[in-house]
Amino acid sequence: MNLAFWRYQLILGLLYIFWEEFFVMGGILNQLAFNFSVFYPLGFLVGYRPENEDLRTAYLAAFIFNLLSYLIARLVGYPIESVILVVLDFVSLVVVLKLGLYFGRRAQSEE
């Protein structure tokens, strides 16, 4: 794995640690807000610096990070409400990352 992958993992981990205390209630809206607060900054970074960042590596890092968070939740014994919410979580990850990419590219092109 390249350096960008580990940098993305570090960014996602720090954002996760920061935001986990704010989003403690269950539900789909809470999960969407949490995904936005964690994955949008990564998408924005990749969109803002397209010549230095790798889109495929960002998606891979986001998917692996999300998978690891579910794995850790299962190992600790945290109940996962439903498989549908897990699927919606991964779909929202892609949507939020694309949204961050879009706004990052727009912000970069305005300079």
PDB file of N, CA and C in Angstrom:
ATOM      1  N   MET A   1       0.848  -1.178   0.000  1.00  0.00           N
ATOM      2  CA  MET A   1       0.000   0.000   0.000  1.00  0.00           C
ATOM      3  C   MET A   1       0.895   1.243   0.000  1.00  0.00           C
ATOM      4  N   ASN A   2       0.430   2.237  -0.680  1.00  0.00           N
ATOM      5  CA  ASN A   2       1.251   3.431  -0.817  1.00  0.00           C
ATOM      6  C   ASN A   2       1.011   4.400   0.345  1.00  0.00           C
ATOM      7  N   LEU A   3       1.794   5.442   0.348  1.00  0.00           N
ATOM      8  CA  LEU A   3       1.740   6.422   1.430  1.00  0.00           C
ATOM      9  C   LEU A   3       0.398   7.148   1.485  1.00  0.00           C
ATOM     10  N   ALA A   4      -0.209   7.401   0.327  1.00  0.00           N
ATOM     11  CA  ALA A   4      -1.502   8.100   0.297  1.00  0.00           C
ATOM     12  C   ALA A   4      -2.570   7.285   1.030  1.00  0.00           C
ATOM     13  N   PHE A   5      -2.556   5.968   0.862  1.00  0.00           N
ATOM     14  CA  PHE A   5      -3.522   5.110   1.545  1.00  0.00           C
ATOM     15  C   PHE A   5      -3.428   5.277   3.053  1.00  0.00           C
ATOM     16  N   TRP A   6      -2.223   5.236   3.576  1.00  0.00           N
ATOM     17  CA  TRP A   6      -2.043   5.349   5.028  1.00  0.00           C
ATOM     18  C   TRP A   6      -2.356   6.762   5.520  1.00  0.00           C
ATOM     19  N   ARG A   7      -2.083   7.761   4.691  1.00  0.00           N
ATOM     20  CA  ARG A   7      -2.446   9.136   5.048  1.00  0.00           C
ATOM     21  C   ARG A   7      -3.969   9.268   5.120  1.00  0.00           C
ATOM     22  N   TYR A   8      -4.682   8.665   4.173  1.00  0.00           N
ATOM     23  CA  TYR A   8      -6.138   8.689   4.192  1.00  0.00           C
ATOM     24  C   TYR A   8      -6.687   7.953   5.415  1.00  0.00           C
ATOM     25  N   GLN A   9      -6.064   6.830   5.749  1.00  0.00           N
ATOM     26  CA  GLN A   9      -6.496   6.092   6.937  1.00  0.00           C
ATOM     27  C   GLN A   9      -6.302   6.931   8.195  1.00  0.00           C
ATOM     28  N   LEU A  10      -5.194   7.646   8.261  1.00  0.00           N
ATOM     29  CA  LEU A  10      -4.935   8.518   9.408  1.00  0.00           C
ATOM     30  C   LEU A  10      -5.973   9.634   9.487  1.00  0.00           C
ATOM     31  N   ILE A  11      -6.268  10.255   8.355  1.00  0.00           N
ATOM     32  CA  ILE A  11      -7.273  11.323   8.323  1.00  0.00           C
ATOM     33  C   ILE A  11      -8.631  10.787   8.764  1.00  0.00           C
ATOM     34  N   LEU A  12      -9.027   9.651   8.202  1.00  0.00           N
ATOM     35  CA  LEU A  12     -10.323   9.067   8.565  1.00  0.00           C
ATOM     36  C   LEU A  12     -10.364   8.659  10.031  1.00  0.00           C
ATOM     37  N   GLY A  13      -9.268   8.109  10.521  1.00  0.00           N
ATOM     38  CA  GLY A  13      -9.218   7.722  11.935  1.00  0.00           C
ATOM     39  C   GLY A  13      -9.338   8.909  12.869  1.00  0.00           C
ATOM     40  N   LEU A  14      -8.645   9.978  12.550  1.00  0.00           N
ATOM     41  CA  LEU A  14      -8.732  11.180  13.394  1.00  0.00           C
ATOM     42  C   LEU A  14     -10.127  11.795  13.342  1.00  0.00           C
ATOM     43  N   LEU A  15     -10.721  11.846  12.150  1.00  0.00           N
ATOM     44  CA  LEU A  15     -12.086  12.363  12.039  1.00  0.00           C
ATOM     45  C   LEU A  15     -13.075  11.477  12.783  1.00  0.00           C
ATOM     46  N   TYR A  16     -12.873  10.172  12.708  1.00  0.00           N
ATOM     47  CA  TYR A  16     -13.744   9.235  13.422  1.00  0.00           C
ATOM     48  C   TYR A  16     -13.655   9.447  14.929  1.00  0.00           C
ATOM     49  N   ILE A  17     -12.448   9.560  15.431  1.00  0.00           N
ATOM     50  CA  ILE A  17     -12.258   9.778  16.868  1.00  0.00           C
ATOM     51  C   ILE A  17     -12.878  11.099  17.300  1.00  0.00           C
ATOM     52  N   PHE A  18     -12.721  12.131  16.483  1.00  0.00           N
ATOM     53  CA  PHE A  18     -13.279  13.435  16.827  1.00  0.00           C
ATOM     54  C   PHE A  18     -14.808  13.422  16.832  1.00  0.00           C
ATOM     55  N   TRP A  19     -15.424  12.831  15.813  1.00  0.00           N
ATOM     56  CA  TRP A  19     -16.870  12.904  15.648  1.00  0.00           C
ATOM     57  C   TRP A  19     -17.645  11.821  16.378  1.00  0.00           C
ATOM     58  N   GLU A  20     -16.997  10.762  16.856  1.00  0.00           N
ATOM     59  CA  GLU A  20     -17.747   9.656  17.448  1.00  0.00           C
ATOM     60  C   GLU A  20     -18.521  10.064  18.694  1.00  0.00           C
ATOM     61  N   GLU A  21     -18.070  11.047  19.416  1.00  0.00           N
ATOM     62  CA  GLU A  21     -18.773  11.494  20.621  1.00  0.00           C
ATOM     63  C   GLU A  21     -20.028  12.298  20.303  1.00  0.00           C
ATOM     64  N   PHE A  22     -20.069  12.924  19.124  1.00  0.00           N
ATOM     65  CA  PHE A  22     -21.219  13.747  18.758  1.00  0.00           C
ATOM     66  C   PHE A  22     -22.371  12.926  18.204  1.00  0.00           C
ATOM     67  N   PHE A  23     -22.060  11.806  17.570  1.00  0.00           N
ATOM     68  CA  PHE A  23     -23.096  10.989  16.936  1.00  0.00           C
ATOM     69  C   PHE A  23     -23.211   9.661  17.670  1.00  0.00           C
ATOM     70  N   VAL A  24     -23.888   9.674  18.791  1.00  0.00           N
ATOM     71  CA  VAL A  24     -24.003   8.468  19.597  1.00  0.00           C
ATOM     72  C   VAL A  24     -25.374   7.815  19.492  1.00  0.00           C
ATOM     73  N   MET A  25     -26.362   8.511  18.992  1.00  0.00           N
ATOM     74  CA  MET A  25     -27.706   7.952  18.855  1.00  0.00           C
ATOM     75  C   MET A  25     -27.779   7.142  17.567  1.00  0.00           C
ATOM     76  N   GLY A  26     -28.631   6.121  17.536  1.00  0.00           N
ATOM     77  CA  GLY A  26     -28.790   5.283  16.350  1.00  0.00           C
ATOM     78  C   GLY A  26     -29.720   5.924  15.337  1.00  0.00           C
ATOM     79  N   GLY A  27     -29.866   5.267  14.218  1.00  0.00           N
ATOM     80  CA  GLY A  27     -30.780   5.732  13.188  1.00  0.00           C
ATOM     81  C   GLY A  27     -30.077   6.090  11.907  1.00  0.00           C
ATOM     82  N   ILE A  28     -30.847   6.122  10.842  1.00  0.00           N
ATOM     83  CA  ILE A  28     -30.271   6.359   9.519  1.00  0.00           C
ATOM     84  C   ILE A  28     -29.811   7.799   9.345  1.00  0.00           C
ATOM     85  N   LEU A  29     -30.550   8.763   9.876  1.00  0.00           N
ATOM     86  CA  LEU A  29     -30.140  10.162   9.732  1.00  0.00           C
ATOM     87  C   LEU A  29     -28.843  10.437  10.480  1.00  0.00           C
ATOM     88  N   ASN A  30     -28.708   9.831  11.632  1.00  0.00           N
ATOM     89  CA  ASN A  30     -27.482   9.968  12.399  1.00  0.00           C
ATOM     90  C   ASN A  30     -26.305   9.350  11.643  1.00  0.00           C
ATOM     91  N   GLN A  31     -26.527   8.201  11.019  1.00  0.00           N
ATOM     92  CA  GLN A  31     -25.469   7.536  10.255  1.00  0.00           C
ATOM     93  C   GLN A  31     -25.072   8.369   9.036  1.00  0.00           C
ATOM     94  N   LEU A  32     -26.055   8.973   8.377  1.00  0.00           N
ATOM     95  CA  LEU A  32     -25.752   9.824   7.224  1.00  0.00           C
ATOM     96  C   LEU A  32     -24.942  11.053   7.639  1.00  0.00           C
ATOM     97  N   ALA A  33     -25.316  11.658   8.749  1.00  0.00           N
ATOM     98  CA  ALA A  33     -24.572  12.825   9.236  1.00  0.00           C
ATOM     99  C   ALA A  33     -23.155  12.437   9.641  1.00  0.00           C
ATOM    100  N   PHE A  34     -23.012  11.287  10.268  1.00  0.00           N
ATOM    101  CA  PHE A  34     -21.690  10.819  10.662  1.00  0.00           C
ATOM    102  C   PHE A  34     -20.826  10.536   9.426  1.00  0.00           C
ATOM    103  N   ASN A  35     -21.404   9.873   8.417  1.00  0.00           N
ATOM    104  CA  ASN A  35     -20.648   9.616   7.187  1.00  0.00           C
ATOM    105  C   ASN A  35     -20.242  10.917   6.514  1.00  0.00           C
ATOM    106  N   PHE A  36     -21.134  11.895   6.526  1.00  0.00           N
ATOM    107  CA  PHE A  36     -20.802  13.178   5.929  1.00  0.00           C
ATOM    108  C   PHE A  36     -19.620  13.818   6.658  1.00  0.00           C
ATOM    109  N   SER A  37     -19.643  13.777   7.971  1.00  0.00           N
ATOM    110  CA  SER A  37     -18.587  14.434   8.740  1.00  0.00           C
ATOM    111  C   SER A  37     -17.250  13.707   8.653  1.00  0.00           C
ATOM    112  N   VAL A  38     -17.258  12.426   8.334  1.00  0.00           N
ATOM    113  CA  VAL A  38     -16.001  11.677   8.245  1.00  0.00           C
ATOM    114  C   VAL A  38     -15.491  11.599   6.806  1.00  0.00           C
ATOM    115  N   PHE A  39     -16.363  11.283   5.853  1.00  0.00           N
ATOM    116  CA  PHE A  39     -15.905  11.011   4.490  1.00  0.00           C
ATOM    117  C   PHE A  39     -15.915  12.231   3.573  1.00  0.00           C
ATOM    118  N   TYR A  40     -16.708  13.248   3.865  1.00  0.00           N
ATOM    119  CA  TYR A  40     -16.712  14.444   3.028  1.00  0.00           C
ATOM    120  C   TYR A  40     -15.345  15.142   3.013  1.00  0.00           C
ATOM    121  N   PRO A  41     -14.684  15.322   4.166  1.00  0.00           N
ATOM    122  CA  PRO A  41     -13.359  15.969   4.119  1.00  0.00           C
ATOM    123  C   PRO A  41     -12.337  15.215   3.259  1.00  0.00           C
ATOM    124  N   LEU A  42     -12.414  13.897   3.263  1.00  0.00           N
ATOM    125  CA  LEU A  42     -11.502  13.121   2.416  1.00  0.00           C
ATOM    126  C   LEU A  42     -11.801  13.377   0.941  1.00  0.00           C
ATOM    127  N   GLY A  43     -13.060  13.357   0.571  1.00  0.00           N
ATOM    128  CA  GLY A  43     -13.428  13.655  -0.809  1.00  0.00           C
ATOM    129  C   GLY A  43     -13.039  15.060  -1.215  1.00  0.00           C
ATOM    130  N   PHE A  44     -13.222  16.005  -0.321  1.00  0.00           N
ATOM    131  CA  PHE A  44     -12.851  17.381  -0.614  1.00  0.00           C
ATOM    132  C   PHE A  44     -11.344  17.497  -0.844  1.00  0.00           C
ATOM    133  N   LEU A  45     -10.549  16.842   0.005  1.00  0.00           N
ATOM    134  CA  LEU A  45      -9.098  16.867  -0.146  1.00  0.00           C
ATOM    135  C   LEU A  45      -8.664  16.294  -1.487  1.00  0.00           C
ATOM    136  N   VAL A  46      -9.234  15.159  -1.854  1.00  0.00           N
ATOM    137  CA  VAL A  46      -8.864  14.520  -3.118  1.00  0.00           C
ATOM    138  C   VAL A  46      -9.321  15.369  -4.296  1.00  0.00           C
ATOM    139  N   GLY A  47     -10.485  15.983  -4.209  1.00  0.00           N
ATOM    140  CA  GLY A  47     -10.959  16.843  -5.283  1.00  0.00           C
ATOM    141  C   GLY A  47     -10.194  18.148  -5.374  1.00  0.00           C
ATOM    142  N   TYR A  48      -9.764  18.660  -4.253  1.00  0.00           N
ATOM    143  CA  TYR A  48      -9.050  19.935  -4.231  1.00  0.00           C
ATOM    144  C   TYR A  48      -7.631  19.810  -4.769  1.00  0.00           C
ATOM    145  N   ARG A  49      -7.019  18.656  -4.539  1.00  0.00           N
ATOM    146  CA  ARG A  49      -5.641  18.429  -4.992  1.00  0.00           C
ATOM    147  C   ARG A  49      -5.592  17.245  -5.951  1.00  0.00           C
ATOM    148  N   PRO A  50      -6.251  17.339  -7.128  1.00  0.00           N
ATOM    149  CA  PRO A  50      -6.343  16.172  -8.017  1.00  0.00           C
ATOM    150  C   PRO A  50      -5.002  15.704  -8.573  1.00  0.00           C
ATOM    151  N   GLU A  51      -4.040  16.601  -8.728  1.00  0.00           N
ATOM    152  CA  GLU A  51      -2.748  16.191  -9.280  1.00  0.00           C
ATOM    153  C   GLU A  51      -1.903  15.431  -8.258  1.00  0.00           C
ATOM    154  N   ASN A  52      -2.183  15.625  -6.969  1.00  0.00           N
ATOM    155  CA  ASN A  52      -1.384  14.976  -5.929  1.00  0.00           C
ATOM    156  C   ASN A  52      -2.106  13.802  -5.263  1.00  0.00           C
ATOM    157  N   GLU A  53      -3.387  13.670  -5.499  1.00  0.00           N
ATOM    158  CA  GLU A  53      -4.169  12.655  -4.801  1.00  0.00           C
ATOM    159  C   GLU A  53      -4.683  11.607  -5.785  1.00  0.00           C
ATOM    160  N   ASP A  54      -4.867  10.400  -5.315  1.00  0.00           N
ATOM    161  CA  ASP A  54      -5.318   9.290  -6.140  1.00  0.00           C
ATOM    162  C   ASP A  54      -6.746   8.919  -5.748  1.00  0.00           C
ATOM    163  N   LEU A  55      -7.655   9.030  -6.698  1.00  0.00           N
ATOM    164  CA  LEU A  55      -9.069   8.781  -6.441  1.00  0.00           C
ATOM    165  C   LEU A  55      -9.321   7.327  -6.057  1.00  0.00           C
ATOM    166  N   ARG A  56      -8.696   6.412  -6.753  1.00  0.00           N
ATOM    167  CA  ARG A  56      -8.889   4.992  -6.448  1.00  0.00           C
ATOM    168  C   ARG A  56      -8.405   4.646  -5.048  1.00  0.00           C
ATOM    169  N   THR A  57      -7.286   5.212  -4.657  1.00  0.00           N
ATOM    170  CA  THR A  57      -6.757   4.965  -3.318  1.00  0.00           C
ATOM    171  C   THR A  57      -7.683   5.540  -2.255  1.00  0.00           C
ATOM    172  N   ALA A  58      -8.293   6.679  -2.536  1.00  0.00           N
ATOM    173  CA  ALA A  58      -9.225   7.279  -1.584  1.00  0.00           C
ATOM    174  C   ALA A  58     -10.449   6.391  -1.392  1.00  0.00           C
ATOM    175  N   TYR A  59     -11.003   5.876  -2.476  1.00  0.00           N
ATOM    176  CA  TYR A  59     -12.151   4.975  -2.359  1.00  0.00           C
ATOM    177  C   TYR A  59     -11.773   3.694  -1.624  1.00  0.00           C
ATOM    178  N   LEU A  60     -10.625   3.145  -1.947  1.00  0.00           N
ATOM    179  CA  LEU A  60     -10.168   1.931  -1.272  1.00  0.00           C
ATOM    180  C   LEU A  60      -9.986   2.171   0.225  1.00  0.00           C
ATOM    181  N   ALA A  61      -9.366   3.273   0.576  1.00  0.00           N
ATOM    182  CA  ALA A  61      -9.159   3.602   1.986  1.00  0.00           C
ATOM    183  C   ALA A  61     -10.491   3.782   2.708  1.00  0.00           C
ATOM    184  N   ALA A  62     -11.446   4.445   2.065  1.00  0.00           N
ATOM    185  CA  ALA A  62     -12.751   4.668   2.686  1.00  0.00           C
ATOM    186  C   ALA A  62     -13.493   3.348   2.883  1.00  0.00           C
ATOM    187  N   PHE A  63     -13.483   2.481   1.871  1.00  0.00           N
ATOM    188  CA  PHE A  63     -14.165   1.195   1.996  1.00  0.00           C
ATOM    189  C   PHE A  63     -13.522   0.324   3.067  1.00  0.00           C
ATOM    190  N   ILE A  64     -12.201   0.256   3.080  1.00  0.00           N
ATOM    191  CA  ILE A  64     -11.517  -0.559   4.088  1.00  0.00           C
ATOM    192  C   ILE A  64     -11.751   0.011   5.476  1.00  0.00           C
ATOM    193  N   PHE A  65     -11.719   1.323   5.617  1.00  0.00           N
ATOM    194  CA  PHE A  65     -11.979   1.943   6.907  1.00  0.00           C
ATOM    195  C   PHE A  65     -13.389   1.615   7.391  1.00  0.00           C
ATOM    196  N   ASN A  66     -14.364   1.688   6.498  1.00  0.00           N
ATOM    197  CA  ASN A  66     -15.739   1.380   6.881  1.00  0.00           C
ATOM    198  C   ASN A  66     -15.888  -0.098   7.247  1.00  0.00           C
ATOM    199  N   LEU A  67     -15.261  -0.974   6.471  1.00  0.00           N
ATOM    200  CA  LEU A  67     -15.304  -2.400   6.797  1.00  0.00           C
ATOM    201  C   LEU A  67     -14.667  -2.680   8.155  1.00  0.00           C
ATOM    202  N   LEU A  68     -13.526  -2.052   8.412  1.00  0.00           N
ATOM    203  CA  LEU A  68     -12.858  -2.252   9.700  1.00  0.00           C
ATOM    204  C   LEU A  68     -13.700  -1.736  10.865  1.00  0.00           C
ATOM    205  N   SER A  69     -14.402  -0.639  10.658  1.00  0.00           N
ATOM    206  CA  SER A  69     -15.243  -0.121  11.742  1.00  0.00           C
ATOM    207  C   SER A  69     -16.373  -1.097  12.060  1.00  0.00           C
ATOM    208  N   TYR A  70     -16.952  -1.736  11.039  1.00  0.00           N
ATOM    209  CA  TYR A  70     -17.981  -2.744  11.291  1.00  0.00           C
ATOM    210  C   TYR A  70     -17.388  -4.001  11.928  1.00  0.00           C
ATOM    211  N   LEU A  71     -16.201  -4.391  11.503  1.00  0.00           N
ATOM    212  CA  LEU A  71     -15.545  -5.556  12.093  1.00  0.00           C
ATOM    213  C   LEU A  71     -15.243  -5.325  13.566  1.00  0.00           C
ATOM    214  N   ILE A  72     -14.730  -4.161  13.882  1.00  0.00           N
ATOM    215  CA  ILE A  72     -14.430  -3.843  15.282  1.00  0.00           C
ATOM    216  C   ILE A  72     -15.715  -3.795  16.105  1.00  0.00           C
ATOM    217  N   ALA A  73     -16.771  -3.236  15.532  1.00  0.00           N
ATOM    218  CA  ALA A  73     -18.059  -3.194  16.241  1.00  0.00           C
ATOM    219  C   ALA A  73     -18.559  -4.600  16.539  1.00  0.00           C
ATOM    220  N   ARG A  74     -18.424  -5.508  15.595  1.00  0.00           N
ATOM    221  CA  ARG A  74     -18.855  -6.896  15.826  1.00  0.00           C
ATOM    222  C   ARG A  74     -17.980  -7.583  16.868  1.00  0.00           C
ATOM    223  N   LEU A  75     -16.668  -7.344  16.820  1.00  0.00           N
ATOM    224  CA  LEU A  75     -15.765  -7.984  17.779  1.00  0.00           C
ATOM    225  C   LEU A  75     -16.006  -7.498  19.205  1.00  0.00           C
ATOM    226  N   VAL A  76     -16.361  -6.228  19.334  1.00  0.00           N
ATOM    227  CA  VAL A  76     -16.606  -5.658  20.661  1.00  0.00           C
ATOM    228  C   VAL A  76     -17.985  -6.068  21.179  1.00  0.00           C
ATOM    229  N   GLY A  77     -18.845  -6.490  20.281  1.00  0.00           N
ATOM    230  CA  GLY A  77     -20.172  -6.910  20.692  1.00  0.00           C
ATOM    231  C   GLY A  77     -21.236  -5.856  20.497  1.00  0.00           C
ATOM    232  N   TYR A  78     -20.925  -4.807  19.746  1.00  0.00           N
ATOM    233  CA  TYR A  78     -21.907  -3.773  19.464  1.00  0.00           C
ATOM    234  C   TYR A  78     -22.891  -4.306  18.434  1.00  0.00           C
ATOM    235  N   PRO A  79     -24.175  -4.256  18.722  1.00  0.00           N
ATOM    236  CA  PRO A  79     -25.143  -4.839  17.780  1.00  0.00           C
ATOM    237  C   PRO A  79     -25.316  -3.977  16.531  1.00  0.00           C
ATOM    238  N   ILE A  80     -25.312  -4.615  15.396  1.00  0.00           N
ATOM    239  CA  ILE A  80     -25.587  -3.945  14.130  1.00  0.00           C
ATOM    240  C   ILE A  80     -27.075  -4.122  13.871  1.00  0.00           C
ATOM    241  N   GLU A  81     -27.775  -2.999  13.685  1.00  0.00           N
ATOM    242  CA  GLU A  81     -29.228  -3.013  13.651  1.00  0.00           C
ATOM    243  C   GLU A  81     -29.791  -3.848  12.513  1.00  0.00           C
ATOM    244  N   SER A  82     -29.326  -3.630  11.297  1.00  0.00           N
ATOM    245  CA  SER A  82     -29.824  -4.418  10.167  1.00  0.00           C
ATOM    246  C   SER A  82     -28.829  -4.362   9.016  1.00  0.00           C
ATOM    247  N   VAL A  83     -28.948  -5.336   8.147  1.00  0.00           N
ATOM    248  CA  VAL A  83     -28.082  -5.399   6.981  1.00  0.00           C
ATOM    249  C   VAL A  83     -28.425  -4.262   6.022  1.00  0.00           C
ATOM    250  N   ILE A  84     -29.667  -3.861   5.994  1.00  0.00           N
ATOM    251  CA  ILE A  84     -30.086  -2.763   5.120  1.00  0.00           C
ATOM    252  C   ILE A  84     -29.360  -1.479   5.502  1.00  0.00           C
ATOM    253  N   LEU A  85     -29.214  -1.222   6.795  1.00  0.00           N
ATOM    254  CA  LEU A  85     -28.480  -0.037   7.228  1.00  0.00           C
ATOM    255  C   LEU A  85     -27.008  -0.102   6.842  1.00  0.00           C
ATOM    256  N   VAL A  86     -26.447  -1.288   6.856  1.00  0.00           N
ATOM    257  CA  VAL A  86     -25.044  -1.442   6.443  1.00  0.00           C
ATOM    258  C   VAL A  86     -24.898  -1.134   4.950  1.00  0.00           C
ATOM    259  N   VAL A  87     -25.822  -1.640   4.149  1.00  0.00           N
ATOM    260  CA  VAL A  87     -25.786  -1.363   2.713  1.00  0.00           C
ATOM    261  C   VAL A  87     -25.982   0.133   2.467  1.00  0.00           C
ATOM    262  N   LEU A  88     -26.940   0.746   3.156  1.00  0.00           N
ATOM    263  CA  LEU A  88     -27.158   2.183   3.018  1.00  0.00           C
ATOM    264  C   LEU A  88     -25.938   2.980   3.475  1.00  0.00           C
ATOM    265  N   ASP A  89     -25.242   2.463   4.462  1.00  0.00           N
ATOM    266  CA  ASP A  89     -24.036   3.116   4.935  1.00  0.00           C
ATOM    267  C   ASP A  89     -22.973   3.155   3.841  1.00  0.00           C
ATOM    268  N   PHE A  90     -22.777   2.049   3.151  1.00  0.00           N
ATOM    269  CA  PHE A  90     -21.772   2.005   2.086  1.00  0.00           C
ATOM    270  C   PHE A  90     -22.206   2.842   0.879  1.00  0.00           C
ATOM    271  N   VAL A  91     -23.501   2.850   0.587  1.00  0.00           N
ATOM    272  CA  VAL A  91     -23.994   3.689  -0.507  1.00  0.00           C
ATOM    273  C   VAL A  91     -23.792   5.162  -0.159  1.00  0.00           C
ATOM    274  N   SER A  92     -24.109   5.527   1.076  1.00  0.00           N
ATOM    275  CA  SER A  92     -23.921   6.924   1.478  1.00  0.00           C
ATOM    276  C   SER A  92     -22.447   7.300   1.506  1.00  0.00           C
ATOM    277  N   LEU A  93     -21.578   6.343   1.795  1.00  0.00           N
ATOM    278  CA  LEU A  93     -20.139   6.600   1.740  1.00  0.00           C
ATOM    279  C   LEU A  93     -19.741   7.040   0.341  1.00  0.00           C
ATOM    280  N   VAL A  94     -20.207   6.319  -0.672  1.00  0.00           N
ATOM    281  CA  VAL A  94     -19.873   6.658  -2.056  1.00  0.00           C
ATOM    282  C   VAL A  94     -20.450   8.024  -2.419  1.00  0.00           C
ATOM    283  N   VAL A  95     -21.705   8.277  -2.044  1.00  0.00           N
ATOM    284  CA  VAL A  95     -22.359   9.540  -2.380  1.00  0.00           C
ATOM    285  C   VAL A  95     -21.646  10.714  -1.707  1.00  0.00           C
ATOM    286  N   VAL A  96     -21.328  10.570  -0.433  1.00  0.00           N
ATOM    287  CA  VAL A  96     -20.671  11.653   0.307  1.00  0.00           C
ATOM    288  C   VAL A  96     -19.265  11.897  -0.222  1.00  0.00           C
ATOM    289  N   LEU A  97     -18.549  10.842  -0.552  1.00  0.00           N
ATOM    290  CA  LEU A  97     -17.205  11.004  -1.110  1.00  0.00           C
ATOM    291  C   LEU A  97     -17.263  11.712  -2.468  1.00  0.00           C
ATOM    292  N   LYS A  98     -18.231  11.339  -3.305  1.00  0.00           N
ATOM    293  CA  LYS A  98     -18.399  12.012  -4.599  1.00  0.00           C
ATOM    294  C   LYS A  98     -18.783  13.473  -4.410  1.00  0.00           C
ATOM    295  N   LEU A  99     -19.610  13.753  -3.417  1.00  0.00           N
ATOM    296  CA  LEU A  99     -19.996  15.131  -3.115  1.00  0.00           C
ATOM    297  C   LEU A  99     -18.778  15.950  -2.699  1.00  0.00           C
ATOM    298  N   GLY A 100     -17.934  15.371  -1.856  1.00  0.00           N
ATOM    299  CA  GLY A 100     -16.704  16.044  -1.458  1.00  0.00           C
ATOM    300  C   GLY A 100     -15.776  16.275  -2.638  1.00  0.00           C
ATOM    301  N   LEU A 101     -15.667  15.285  -3.525  1.00  0.00           N
ATOM    302  CA  LEU A 101     -14.849  15.436  -4.728  1.00  0.00           C
ATOM    303  C   LEU A 101     -15.361  16.582  -5.595  1.00  0.00           C
ATOM    304  N   TYR A 102     -16.657  16.635  -5.774  1.00  0.00           N
ATOM    305  CA  TYR A 102     -17.257  17.680  -6.605  1.00  0.00           C
ATOM    306  C   TYR A 102     -16.960  19.069  -6.053  1.00  0.00           C
ATOM    307  N   PHE A 103     -17.219  19.256  -4.758  1.00  0.00           N
ATOM    308  CA  PHE A 103     -16.994  20.576  -4.174  1.00  0.00           C
ATOM    309  C   PHE A 103     -15.511  20.903  -4.041  1.00  0.00           C
ATOM    310  N   GLY A 104     -14.682  19.889  -3.855  1.00  0.00           N
ATOM    311  CA  GLY A 104     -13.248  20.127  -3.838  1.00  0.00           C
ATOM    312  C   GLY A 104     -12.731  20.586  -5.183  1.00  0.00           C
ATOM    313  N   ARG A 105     -13.223  19.972  -6.255  1.00  0.00           N
ATOM    314  CA  ARG A 105     -12.817  20.382  -7.603  1.00  0.00           C
ATOM    315  C   ARG A 105     -13.324  21.785  -7.919  1.00  0.00           C
ATOM    316  N   ARG A 106     -14.542  22.078  -7.487  1.00  0.00           N
ATOM    317  CA  ARG A 106     -15.075  23.424  -7.726  1.00  0.00           C
ATOM    318  C   ARG A 106     -14.279  24.479  -6.970  1.00  0.00           C
ATOM    319  N   ALA A 107     -13.903  24.175  -5.726  1.00  0.00           N
ATOM    320  CA  ALA A 107     -13.123  25.126  -4.942  1.00  0.00           C
ATOM    321  C   ALA A 107     -11.737  25.325  -5.557  1.00  0.00           C
ATOM    322  N   GLN A 108     -11.157  24.257  -6.083  1.00  0.00           N
ATOM    323  CA  GLN A 108      -9.838  24.361  -6.680  1.00  0.00           C
ATOM    324  C   GLN A 108      -9.893  25.147  -7.978  1.00  0.00           C
ATOM    325  N   SER A 109     -10.946  24.972  -8.761  1.00  0.00           N
ATOM    326  CA  SER A 109     -11.032  25.660 -10.041  1.00  0.00           C
ATOM    327  C   SER A 109     -11.357  27.153  -9.870  1.00  0.00           C
ATOM    328  N   GLU A 110     -11.891  27.546  -8.739  1.00  0.00           N
ATOM    329  CA  GLU A 110     -12.207  28.953  -8.496  1.00  0.00           C
ATOM    330  C   GLU A 110     -10.976  29.783  -8.159  1.00  0.00           C
ATOM    331  N   GLU A 111      -9.897  29.132  -7.808  1.00  0.00           N
ATOM    332  CA  GLU A 111      -8.682  29.879  -7.447  1.00  0.00           C
ATOM    333  C   GLU A 111      -7.964  30.391  -8.653  1.00  0.00           C
TER     334      GLU A 111
END
